[in-house]
Amino acid sequence: MIFTVHILALFACAVQARWINTWTSMPQLTEPANLPSPPFNGSSAVFVNSTIRQTLHMSIGGTQIRVRLSNNFGVNNLNITAATIALPADGQPGSSAIEPSTLKTLTFSGSQSFSIPNGALVVSDPVDFSIRPQSTLTVTIYLEHGQDGFAITSHPGSRTTTWMAFGNMVSAANITSTTVSSVAHWYFVSAVETWSTSPSNFAFAIVGDSITDGRGSDDNENNRWPDLLLARMQQNSFTSAIAINNQAAGGNRILADGLGPNALGRIDRDVLAQSGVKYAMIFEGVNDIGVADTSEKSQELIGDQLILAYKQIVARVHTFGIPIFAATITPFSAPSNTTIQPYSNPVREATRQRINAYIRAPGSFDFVIDFDKIIADPKIPSQLNPLFNSGDYLHPNVAGYQAIANGFPLEIFEQFAGGVF
């Protein structure tokens, strides 16, 4: 009996100590428009003799971290020459400067350089480095030889300034050379993990499209709806221990590849294979409806396929005991006197209503958050509330994202803390 108790105690300790994603971005193939501009984009390679400095918004804190780099979509090796982490100057996202006293060198299997094969990822060795909840981390990478070809892995919708310069500047206090350039994309970095010994720390993975990726939010302000939800969660004793993993990309679809792999195909990579995920959510479907032909036959087919795909996603996630939440598809219709929103069409609106009815139906998902009702115009429910419209009648503005975050029921995390079986 005593032996059994000791075994159970050791098992409990093993479960408690684990890596948890405190930040993620969804890796995708970089389309030509989002490749780095010359001179960082050469005739046969990108980022030759280049330093890339990026800032990332952490969700939960920790005292030991590791960084994940992805060559998921590269067709050639990604040769990392050197990499460092630090806190940015004044804690500011998008900063080209760091606090030099916080600088730490990253190693990969004990080496400062590492060649990542095509389709692979690497995690750095653990680094003793303290981060606070909702703080900013700077990751700086140097590629002496760049990456051959133009198939590289990135996350274009970073809404965060990234700095590039020639030469090895991974330890520089500021990126200030004459070759410095900036873009609002992330390259190669796909996750930051923190080591946790607390049984309360877990991650919440959100699979989504541009609305979750933050189209309509402000660069370097971290005011996407998941960021604003995180701020609320940090004020709650139960949810303050839960990290948010934003696994969304603009233009993403459930049924077909577009900007990034389709959601049905990436559930394993972006949810089940992620460190510490205990809760999952899907908020997608608008792009499937919006790019499909407006004929009733085409829209009926898209509706049928979306429902089947949702069922597959739920079944796959439930296999691992993870509860999956869903949000209703938000409005995209525009007034008849404007053509600014190409998705706007009565037949597509009928499909949106059909899909939302399925999402709301008991048993479809473990819990449903009705984003549609939160940000729809109460007078014209097929349109966004004018107070929440970013201007294109599809993407909310920051006020709309705040409304979504405010309307998110935090109690569901405690309700589903035991998982689903």
Protein backbone atom coordinates (compact mmCIF):
# COMPACT_ATOMS: atom_id res chain seq x y z
CA MET A 1 0.00 0.00 0.00
CA ILE A 2 2.81 2.42 0.93
CA PHE A 3 4.59 1.51 -2.30
CA THR A 4 1.44 2.28 -4.31
CA VAL A 5 1.02 5.67 -2.62
CA HIS A 6 4.63 6.56 -3.44
CA ILE A 7 4.14 5.58 -7.07
CA LEU A 8 1.01 7.72 -7.32
CA ALA A 9 2.81 10.66 -5.74
CA LEU A 10 5.67 10.36 -8.21
CA PHE A 11 3.19 10.14 -11.08
CA ALA A 12 1.42 13.30 -9.88
CA CYS A 13 4.75 15.16 -9.76
CA ALA A 14 5.59 13.98 -13.27
CA VAL A 15 2.25 15.23 -14.56
CA GLN A 16 2.74 18.62 -12.93
CA ALA A 17 6.21 19.28 -14.36
CA ARG A 18 5.91 19.89 -18.09
CA TRP A 19 6.47 22.33 -20.94
CA ILE A 20 3.59 24.65 -21.85
CA ASN A 21 3.34 26.99 -24.81
CA THR A 22 3.12 30.55 -23.58
CA TRP A 23 3.14 31.94 -27.14
CA THR A 24 2.50 30.52 -30.61
CA SER A 25 2.08 31.62 -34.18
CA MET A 26 0.65 29.43 -36.92
CA PRO A 27 3.43 28.48 -39.37
CA GLN A 28 2.58 28.84 -43.03
CA LEU A 29 4.21 29.00 -46.43
CA THR A 30 5.22 32.58 -47.14
CA GLU A 31 3.44 33.86 -50.23
CA PRO A 32 5.56 36.05 -52.57
CA ALA A 33 4.08 39.33 -51.33
CA ASN A 34 5.24 38.56 -47.78
CA LEU A 35 8.78 37.47 -48.58
CA PRO A 36 11.40 39.95 -47.35
CA SER A 37 12.06 42.79 -49.76
CA PRO A 38 15.44 43.21 -51.47
CA PRO A 39 18.23 43.26 -50.45
CA PHE A 40 17.12 40.55 -47.99
CA ASN A 41 15.54 38.65 -50.87
CA GLY A 42 18.26 37.69 -53.36
CA SER A 43 18.32 35.89 -56.67
CA SER A 44 18.43 32.40 -55.17
CA ALA A 45 18.11 32.74 -51.37
CA VAL A 46 16.57 34.86 -48.64
CA PHE A 47 18.13 36.39 -45.51
CA VAL A 48 21.76 35.81 -46.55
CA ASN A 49 24.08 37.26 -43.87
CA SER A 50 20.98 38.63 -42.14
CA THR A 51 19.86 39.24 -38.58
CA ILE A 52 16.13 39.09 -37.80
CA ARG A 53 14.91 40.60 -34.53
CA GLN A 54 11.32 39.82 -33.50
CA THR A 55 9.19 40.54 -30.43
CA LEU A 56 6.58 38.13 -29.08
CA HIS A 57 3.72 38.65 -26.59
CA MET A 58 3.89 36.06 -23.79
CA SER A 59 0.73 34.86 -22.07
CA ILE A 60 1.78 33.14 -18.84
CA GLY A 61 5.08 33.65 -17.04
CA GLY A 62 7.89 31.35 -16.00
CA THR A 63 11.54 31.14 -15.02
CA GLN A 64 12.78 28.73 -17.68
CA ILE A 65 11.88 28.85 -21.36
CA ARG A 66 12.76 27.38 -24.72
CA VAL A 67 12.09 28.64 -28.24
CA ARG A 68 10.75 26.64 -31.16
CA LEU A 69 11.93 27.37 -34.71
CA SER A 70 10.09 25.95 -37.72
CA ASN A 71 11.16 25.00 -41.22
CA ASN A 72 7.75 23.45 -41.83
CA PHE A 73 7.38 24.83 -45.36
CA GLY A 74 11.00 25.14 -46.44
CA VAL A 75 12.14 22.86 -49.25
CA ASN A 76 15.78 23.37 -48.23
CA ASN A 77 17.54 23.27 -44.89
CA LEU A 78 17.18 26.29 -42.61
CA ASN A 79 20.67 26.95 -41.28
CA ILE A 80 20.55 28.87 -38.00
CA THR A 81 23.98 30.36 -37.28
CA ALA A 82 23.17 32.03 -33.95
CA ALA A 83 20.16 33.06 -31.88
CA THR A 84 19.54 34.98 -28.67
CA ILE A 85 16.70 36.02 -26.41
CA ALA A 86 16.33 39.16 -24.31
CA LEU A 87 13.76 41.54 -22.94
CA PRO A 88 13.04 44.47 -25.25
CA ALA A 89 13.99 47.99 -24.24
CA ASP A 90 11.29 49.39 -21.95
CA GLY A 91 9.32 46.18 -22.53
CA GLN A 92 7.96 47.54 -25.79
CA PRO A 93 6.60 45.24 -28.52
CA GLY A 94 8.07 45.94 -31.94
CA SER A 95 11.23 47.46 -30.49
CA SER A 96 14.56 47.12 -32.30
CA ALA A 97 16.40 47.57 -28.97
CA ILE A 98 16.90 45.18 -26.07
CA GLU A 99 17.88 45.40 -22.42
CA PRO A 100 21.51 44.17 -22.77
CA SER A 101 21.68 42.84 -19.22
CA THR A 102 18.96 40.28 -20.05
CA LEU A 103 20.65 38.85 -23.16
CA LYS A 104 20.96 35.05 -23.29
CA THR A 105 22.38 32.86 -26.07
CA LEU A 106 20.21 30.04 -27.39
CA THR A 107 21.67 26.63 -28.10
CA PHE A 108 20.16 23.67 -29.90
CA SER A 109 21.26 20.25 -28.66
CA GLY A 110 24.24 22.04 -27.14
CA SER A 111 25.25 23.87 -30.32
CA GLN A 112 24.80 27.56 -31.10
CA SER A 113 24.20 26.70 -34.76
CA PHE A 114 21.78 24.16 -36.14
CA SER A 115 20.62 23.01 -39.56
CA ILE A 116 16.86 22.38 -39.57
CA PRO A 117 15.83 19.95 -42.33
CA ASN A 118 12.95 20.79 -44.62
CA GLY A 119 9.60 20.15 -42.97
CA ALA A 120 11.13 19.95 -39.49
CA LEU A 121 11.25 22.06 -36.35
CA VAL A 122 13.69 22.37 -33.46
CA VAL A 123 13.38 23.48 -29.87
CA SER A 124 16.19 25.29 -28.14
CA ASP A 125 17.82 23.97 -25.01
CA PRO A 126 16.12 25.26 -21.84
CA VAL A 127 17.30 28.70 -20.71
CA ASP A 128 16.95 30.13 -17.22
CA PHE A 129 15.08 33.29 -18.12
CA SER A 130 12.25 34.96 -16.24
CA ILE A 131 9.21 36.20 -18.11
CA ARG A 132 6.11 37.79 -16.66
CA PRO A 133 2.53 37.19 -17.83
CA GLN A 134 1.64 39.44 -20.80
CA SER A 135 5.25 40.57 -21.15
CA THR A 136 7.26 40.84 -24.36
CA LEU A 137 10.19 38.64 -25.38
CA THR A 138 12.75 39.50 -28.07
CA VAL A 139 14.13 36.68 -30.22
CA THR A 140 17.02 37.50 -32.55
CA ILE A 141 18.25 35.08 -35.23
CA TYR A 142 21.27 35.25 -37.53
CA LEU A 143 21.53 33.30 -40.80
CA GLU A 144 25.03 33.49 -42.26
CA HIS A 145 24.13 31.72 -45.49
CA GLY A 146 20.40 32.45 -45.50
CA GLN A 147 17.91 29.90 -46.75
CA ASP A 148 18.11 28.69 -50.32
CA GLY A 149 15.04 29.12 -52.49
CA PHE A 150 11.93 31.12 -51.76
CA ALA A 151 9.83 28.55 -49.90
CA ILE A 152 10.20 29.70 -46.30
CA THR A 153 8.13 29.45 -43.13
CA SER A 154 6.59 32.53 -41.57
CA HIS A 155 3.52 34.09 -40.04
CA PRO A 156 2.70 37.15 -42.17
CA GLY A 157 -0.08 38.54 -39.94
CA SER A 158 2.11 39.35 -36.96
CA ARG A 159 0.72 42.89 -36.42
CA THR A 160 4.17 43.41 -34.88
CA THR A 161 7.29 45.11 -36.23
CA THR A 162 10.23 42.85 -37.09
CA TRP A 163 13.70 44.29 -37.75
CA MET A 164 16.25 43.03 -40.28
CA ALA A 165 19.87 44.01 -40.92
CA PHE A 166 22.98 42.58 -42.55
CA GLY A 167 25.66 41.01 -40.38
CA ASN A 168 25.57 39.15 -37.09
CA MET A 169 23.77 41.46 -34.66
CA VAL A 170 22.16 38.91 -32.34
CA SER A 171 23.91 40.50 -29.35
CA ALA A 172 23.49 44.13 -30.43
CA ALA A 173 21.74 46.47 -28.00
CA ASN A 174 19.92 47.97 -30.96
CA ILE A 175 19.52 47.17 -34.65
CA THR A 176 20.80 50.47 -36.04
CA SER A 177 22.99 49.63 -39.04
CA THR A 178 22.65 51.40 -42.37
CA THR A 179 21.05 48.26 -43.80
CA VAL A 180 18.24 48.09 -41.26
CA SER A 181 14.72 47.47 -42.56
CA SER A 182 11.41 46.53 -40.94
CA VAL A 183 8.32 44.50 -41.79
CA ALA A 184 5.18 43.40 -39.94
CA HIS A 185 5.78 39.65 -40.26
CA TRP A 186 7.27 36.90 -38.11
CA TYR A 187 9.79 34.50 -39.66
CA PHE A 188 10.67 30.98 -38.47
CA VAL A 189 9.66 31.40 -34.79
CA SER A 190 6.59 29.27 -34.05
CA ALA A 191 6.42 28.92 -30.25
CA VAL A 192 7.88 29.83 -26.89
CA GLU A 193 7.48 27.25 -24.13
CA THR A 194 7.79 27.72 -20.38
CA TRP A 195 8.60 24.99 -17.86
CA SER A 196 5.89 24.59 -15.28
CA THR A 197 5.70 22.60 -12.06
CA SER A 198 2.21 23.91 -11.27
CA PRO A 199 -0.80 21.63 -11.81
CA SER A 200 -2.82 24.74 -12.73
CA ASN A 201 -0.81 25.73 -15.82
CA PHE A 202 -2.22 24.67 -19.19
CA ALA A 203 -2.75 26.10 -22.65
CA PHE A 204 -5.88 27.05 -24.61
CA ALA A 205 -5.37 26.60 -28.38
CA ILE A 206 -7.55 28.68 -30.71
CA VAL A 207 -7.80 27.68 -34.38
CA GLY A 208 -9.02 30.57 -36.48
CA ASP A 209 -8.71 32.91 -39.44
CA SER A 210 -7.98 36.63 -39.84
CA ILE A 211 -10.52 37.67 -37.20
CA THR A 212 -8.59 35.71 -34.58
CA ASP A 213 -5.27 36.68 -36.18
CA GLY A 214 -6.19 40.30 -35.50
CA ARG A 215 -7.03 41.94 -38.81
CA GLY A 216 -8.37 45.36 -37.78
CA SER A 217 -6.27 45.51 -34.60
CA ASP A 218 -3.34 47.89 -34.06
CA ASP A 219 0.26 47.03 -34.85
CA ASN A 220 2.44 46.58 -31.76
CA GLU A 221 -0.53 46.97 -29.40
CA ASN A 222 -1.49 43.29 -28.92
CA ASN A 223 -5.21 44.04 -29.03
CA ARG A 224 -6.48 41.08 -31.01
CA TRP A 225 -9.46 39.48 -29.26
CA PRO A 226 -7.33 36.59 -27.86
CA ASP A 227 -4.93 39.19 -26.38
CA LEU A 228 -7.81 41.07 -24.79
CA LEU A 229 -9.27 37.80 -23.52
CA LEU A 230 -5.89 36.98 -22.00
CA ALA A 231 -5.94 40.29 -20.14
CA ARG A 232 -9.31 39.32 -18.63
CA MET A 233 -8.09 35.84 -17.79
CA GLN A 234 -5.10 37.27 -15.96
CA GLN A 235 -7.50 39.03 -13.56
CA ASN A 236 -9.27 35.77 -12.68
CA SER A 237 -7.78 33.46 -10.05
CA PHE A 238 -8.57 30.26 -11.96
CA THR A 239 -7.79 31.35 -15.53
CA SER A 240 -4.65 33.38 -14.78
CA ALA A 241 -2.68 30.13 -15.03
CA ILE A 242 -3.93 29.35 -18.55
CA ALA A 243 -1.88 30.34 -21.61
CA ILE A 244 -3.50 31.32 -24.89
CA ASN A 245 -2.07 29.78 -28.06
CA ASN A 246 -3.25 31.79 -31.06
CA GLN A 247 -3.20 29.35 -33.98
CA ALA A 248 -4.94 31.55 -36.54
CA ALA A 249 -4.00 32.93 -39.94
CA GLY A 250 -5.61 35.41 -42.28
CA GLY A 251 -7.54 33.81 -45.13
CA ASN A 252 -7.47 30.38 -43.50
CA ARG A 253 -10.20 27.90 -44.39
CA ILE A 254 -11.46 24.65 -42.91
CA LEU A 255 -11.90 22.69 -46.13
CA ALA A 256 -9.08 23.81 -48.42
CA ASP A 257 -5.58 25.20 -48.24
CA GLY A 258 -5.31 28.90 -48.90
CA LEU A 259 -3.25 31.18 -46.72
CA GLY A 260 -1.90 28.35 -44.63
CA PRO A 261 -2.96 24.71 -44.53
CA ASN A 262 -6.65 23.96 -44.03
CA ALA A 263 -7.94 23.78 -40.47
CA LEU A 264 -9.08 20.16 -40.74
CA GLY A 265 -5.58 19.21 -41.81
CA ARG A 266 -3.71 21.22 -39.19
CA ILE A 267 -5.65 20.27 -36.04
CA ASP A 268 -3.04 17.64 -35.15
CA ARG A 269 -0.11 20.02 -35.69
CA ASP A 270 -1.60 23.16 -34.17
CA VAL A 271 -3.58 21.69 -31.26
CA LEU A 272 -2.77 18.09 -30.41
CA ALA A 273 1.00 18.35 -30.89
CA GLN A 274 1.32 21.59 -28.92
CA SER A 275 2.84 21.65 -25.45
CA GLY A 276 0.40 21.69 -22.55
CA VAL A 277 -2.89 22.13 -24.43
CA LYS A 278 -5.90 21.31 -22.24
CA TYR A 279 -8.60 23.32 -24.05
CA ALA A 280 -9.27 23.94 -27.74
CA MET A 281 -11.50 26.18 -29.82
CA ILE A 282 -12.48 26.54 -33.48
CA PHE A 283 -13.66 29.85 -34.94
CA GLU A 284 -13.56 29.32 -38.69
CA GLY A 285 -15.76 28.86 -41.72
CA VAL A 286 -16.33 32.36 -43.01
CA ASN A 287 -13.68 32.06 -45.73
CA ASP A 288 -15.07 28.72 -46.92
CA ILE A 289 -18.48 30.34 -47.33
CA GLY A 290 -17.07 33.56 -48.74
CA VAL A 291 -14.96 32.10 -51.54
CA ALA A 292 -17.56 29.56 -52.66
CA ASP A 293 -19.80 30.39 -55.59
CA THR A 294 -23.07 32.12 -54.74
CA SER A 295 -25.25 29.51 -56.43
CA GLU A 296 -27.59 27.70 -54.05
CA LYS A 297 -26.07 24.35 -55.07
CA SER A 298 -22.52 25.48 -54.26
CA GLN A 299 -23.53 26.99 -50.95
CA GLU A 300 -25.51 23.90 -49.97
CA LEU A 301 -22.45 21.76 -50.69
CA ILE A 302 -20.15 24.04 -48.67
CA GLY A 303 -22.60 23.92 -45.77
CA ASP A 304 -22.74 20.13 -45.88
CA GLN A 305 -18.95 19.84 -46.01
CA LEU A 306 -18.40 22.30 -43.17
CA ILE A 307 -20.72 20.36 -40.88
CA LEU A 308 -18.92 17.10 -41.67
CA ALA A 309 -15.55 18.79 -41.06
CA TYR A 310 -16.67 20.19 -37.70
CA LYS A 311 -17.69 16.68 -36.66
CA GLN A 312 -14.28 15.34 -37.65
CA ILE A 313 -12.47 18.08 -35.72
CA VAL A 314 -14.52 17.36 -32.60
CA ALA A 315 -13.90 13.62 -32.88
CA ARG A 316 -10.16 14.10 -33.33
CA VAL A 317 -9.76 16.50 -30.40
CA HIS A 318 -11.99 14.41 -28.13
CA THR A 319 -9.72 11.42 -28.75
CA PHE A 320 -7.21 13.14 -26.48
CA GLY A 321 -9.77 14.09 -23.83
CA ILE A 322 -9.59 17.77 -24.79
CA PRO A 323 -12.83 19.78 -24.74
CA ILE A 324 -13.44 21.84 -27.86
CA PHE A 325 -15.38 25.09 -27.89
CA ALA A 326 -16.72 26.89 -30.94
CA ALA A 327 -17.81 30.39 -31.86
CA THR A 328 -20.57 31.27 -34.28
CA ILE A 329 -19.56 32.86 -37.58
CA THR A 330 -19.84 36.63 -37.38
CA PRO A 331 -21.61 38.83 -39.98
CA PHE A 332 -20.06 39.82 -43.30
CA SER A 333 -22.95 41.43 -45.19
CA ALA A 334 -22.57 45.01 -46.37
CA PRO A 335 -25.17 47.64 -47.32
CA SER A 336 -26.54 47.29 -50.83
CA ASN A 337 -25.01 50.60 -51.88
CA THR A 338 -21.42 49.39 -51.41
CA THR A 339 -19.25 46.71 -53.00
CA ILE A 340 -16.46 46.92 -50.42
CA GLN A 341 -17.11 43.42 -49.05
CA PRO A 342 -16.91 40.70 -51.74
CA TYR A 343 -18.34 38.03 -49.43
CA SER A 344 -21.61 39.93 -49.04
CA ASN A 345 -24.43 37.99 -50.69
CA PRO A 346 -27.88 36.78 -49.55
CA VAL A 347 -27.18 33.15 -50.46
CA ARG A 348 -23.92 33.18 -48.50
CA GLU A 349 -25.76 34.79 -45.59
CA ALA A 350 -28.23 31.90 -45.66
CA THR A 351 -25.30 29.48 -45.39
CA ARG A 352 -23.88 31.43 -42.46
CA GLN A 353 -27.23 31.16 -40.69
CA ARG A 354 -27.39 27.44 -41.43
CA ILE A 355 -23.89 26.84 -40.08
CA ASN A 356 -24.54 28.94 -37.00
CA ALA A 357 -27.69 26.95 -36.30
CA TYR A 358 -25.58 23.79 -36.42
CA ILE A 359 -22.89 25.27 -34.18
CA ARG A 360 -25.51 26.37 -31.63
CA ALA A 361 -27.27 23.00 -31.63
CA PRO A 362 -26.79 20.94 -28.44
CA GLY A 363 -24.11 18.30 -28.85
CA SER A 364 -22.26 19.90 -31.75
CA PHE A 365 -19.48 21.25 -29.51
CA ASP A 366 -18.69 21.13 -25.82
CA PHE A 367 -19.51 24.82 -25.46
CA VAL A 368 -20.51 27.59 -27.87
CA ILE A 369 -19.68 31.28 -27.53
CA ASP A 370 -22.07 33.28 -29.69
CA PHE A 371 -19.72 35.82 -31.27
CA ASP A 372 -22.42 36.50 -33.87
CA LYS A 373 -24.82 37.90 -31.27
CA ILE A 374 -22.05 39.79 -29.48
CA ILE A 375 -20.98 41.94 -32.43
CA ALA A 376 -23.93 41.85 -34.87
CA ASP A 377 -25.99 44.96 -35.51
CA PRO A 378 -29.16 44.45 -33.42
CA LYS A 379 -31.16 46.29 -36.10
CA ILE A 380 -29.62 44.48 -39.09
CA PRO A 381 -28.31 41.13 -37.74
CA SER A 382 -26.69 40.20 -41.06
CA GLN A 383 -24.23 43.08 -40.58
CA LEU A 384 -21.65 44.00 -37.98
CA ASN A 385 -22.67 46.52 -35.37
CA PRO A 386 -21.43 49.88 -36.78
CA LEU A 387 -19.60 50.46 -33.51
CA PHE A 388 -17.54 47.32 -34.16
CA ASN A 389 -16.91 47.56 -37.92
CA SER A 390 -13.27 48.05 -38.95
CA GLY A 391 -14.50 49.38 -42.29
CA ASP A 392 -14.77 46.28 -44.48
CA TYR A 393 -17.94 44.84 -42.87
CA LEU A 394 -16.11 41.57 -42.11
CA HIS A 395 -13.38 42.30 -39.58
CA PRO A 396 -14.17 43.88 -36.22
CA ASN A 397 -12.26 46.88 -34.96
CA VAL A 398 -10.56 46.97 -31.56
CA ALA A 399 -13.86 47.85 -29.87
CA GLY A 400 -15.37 44.77 -31.48
CA TYR A 401 -12.49 42.62 -30.32
CA GLN A 402 -12.94 43.98 -26.81
CA ALA A 403 -16.65 43.12 -26.95
CA ILE A 404 -15.78 39.55 -27.94
CA ALA A 405 -13.27 39.28 -25.09
CA ASN A 406 -15.76 40.75 -22.62
CA GLY A 407 -18.46 38.33 -23.75
CA PHE A 408 -16.29 35.24 -23.37
CA PRO A 409 -17.46 33.18 -20.35
CA LEU A 410 -14.39 32.45 -18.24
CA GLU A 411 -16.26 29.89 -16.16
CA ILE A 412 -16.05 27.33 -18.98
CA PHE A 413 -12.40 26.68 -18.17
CA GLU A 414 -13.27 25.52 -14.68
CA GLN A 415 -16.34 23.70 -15.99
CA PHE A 416 -14.18 21.60 -18.35
CA ALA A 417 -11.07 21.36 -16.18
CA GLY A 418 -11.50 17.60 -16.01
CA GLY A 419 -11.46 17.19 -19.79
CA VAL A 420 -13.94 15.10 -21.79
CA PHE A 421 -14.04 11.32 -21.92
